[in-house]
Amino acid sequence: MKRSPLALHTSDEYKAAMPVDWQPGDKAIVPALKTVEGSAERKKSNLEMIVW
């Protein structure tokens, strides 16, 4: 299992979980936000959101 350096840098910068074979443009998992204000800002973004 080998991760690309770009995946590691992207994961570190955005605090995201990256799949093993992640490539730029692929989906990643970002952590949940801790504030209502942060959630409102994220809803304005173009991120795909899934509610569990």
C-alpha atoms as a PDB file:
ATOM      1  CA  MET A   1       0.000   0.000   0.000  1.00  0.00           C
ATOM      2  CA  LYS A   2       1.648   3.198  -1.195  1.00  0.00           C
ATOM      3  CA  ARG A   3       0.221   6.670  -0.808  1.00  0.00           C
ATOM      4  CA  SER A   4       1.191   9.501  -3.082  1.00  0.00           C
ATOM      5  CA  PRO A   5       2.972  12.469  -1.512  1.00  0.00           C
ATOM      6  CA  LEU A   6       0.234  14.729  -2.913  1.00  0.00           C
ATOM      7  CA  ALA A   7      -2.428  12.703  -1.069  1.00  0.00           C
ATOM      8  CA  LEU A   8      -0.494  13.065   2.172  1.00  0.00           C
ATOM      9  CA  HIS A   9      -0.050  16.820   1.724  1.00  0.00           C
ATOM     10  CA  THR A  10      -3.709  17.273   0.802  1.00  0.00           C
ATOM     11  CA  SER A  11      -4.800  15.185   3.783  1.00  0.00           C
ATOM     12  CA  ASP A  12      -2.645  17.249   6.111  1.00  0.00           C
ATOM     13  CA  GLU A  13      -3.745  20.599   4.664  1.00  0.00           C
ATOM     14  CA  TYR A  14      -7.484  19.885   4.726  1.00  0.00           C
ATOM     15  CA  LYS A  15      -7.562  17.414   7.648  1.00  0.00           C
ATOM     16  CA  ALA A  16      -9.289  14.932   5.351  1.00  0.00           C
ATOM     17  CA  ALA A  17      -9.249  11.136   5.196  1.00  0.00           C
ATOM     18  CA  MET A  18      -7.945   9.935   1.851  1.00  0.00           C
ATOM     19  CA  PRO A  19      -8.590   6.518   0.260  1.00  0.00           C
ATOM     20  CA  VAL A  20      -5.447   4.484  -0.459  1.00  0.00           C
ATOM     21  CA  ASP A  21      -5.530   5.022  -4.232  1.00  0.00           C
ATOM     22  CA  TRP A  22      -6.617   8.686  -4.044  1.00  0.00           C
ATOM     23  CA  GLN A  23      -5.827  10.888  -7.025  1.00  0.00           C
ATOM     24  CA  PRO A  24      -6.492  14.636  -7.423  1.00  0.00           C
ATOM     25  CA  GLY A  25     -10.192  15.105  -8.166  1.00  0.00           C
ATOM     26  CA  ASP A  26     -11.259  11.957  -6.283  1.00  0.00           C
ATOM     27  CA  LYS A  27     -13.533  12.181  -3.258  1.00  0.00           C
ATOM     28  CA  ALA A  28     -12.219  12.347   0.291  1.00  0.00           C
ATOM     29  CA  ILE A  29     -13.841  12.446   3.715  1.00  0.00           C
ATOM     30  CA  VAL A  30     -13.670  15.722   5.608  1.00  0.00           C
ATOM     31  CA  PRO A  31     -14.280  15.868   9.356  1.00  0.00           C
ATOM     32  CA  ALA A  32     -17.544  17.068  10.823  1.00  0.00           C
ATOM     33  CA  LEU A  33     -17.682  20.698  11.849  1.00  0.00           C
ATOM     34  CA  LYS A  34     -18.031  21.716  15.471  1.00  0.00           C
ATOM     35  CA  THR A  35     -20.054  24.913  15.031  1.00  0.00           C
ATOM     36  CA  VAL A  36     -23.368  25.861  13.454  1.00  0.00           C
ATOM     37  CA  GLU A  37     -21.648  28.745  11.672  1.00  0.00           C
ATOM     38  CA  GLY A  38     -19.102  26.380  10.135  1.00  0.00           C
ATOM     39  CA  SER A  39     -21.885  24.100   8.957  1.00  0.00           C
ATOM     40  CA  ALA A  40     -23.702  27.006   7.319  1.00  0.00           C
ATOM     41  CA  GLU A  41     -20.525  27.997   5.471  1.00  0.00           C
ATOM     42  CA  ARG A  42     -19.924  24.431   4.282  1.00  0.00           C
ATOM     43  CA  LYS A  43     -23.497  24.200   2.939  1.00  0.00           C
ATOM     44  CA  LYS A  44     -22.645  27.131   0.635  1.00  0.00           C
ATOM     45  CA  SER A  45     -19.678  25.212  -0.795  1.00  0.00           C
ATOM     46  CA  ASN A  46     -19.685  22.789  -3.702  1.00  0.00           C
ATOM     47  CA  LEU A  47     -18.844  19.814  -1.465  1.00  0.00           C
ATOM     48  CA  GLU A  48     -21.019  16.722  -1.744  1.00  0.00           C
ATOM     49  CA  MET A  49     -22.618  16.111   1.638  1.00  0.00           C
ATOM     50  CA  ILE A  50     -24.138  12.910   2.952  1.00  0.00           C
ATOM     51  CA  VAL A  51     -26.213  12.898   6.126  1.00  0.00           C
ATOM     52  CA  TRP A  52     -25.968   9.653   8.039  1.00  0.00           C
END
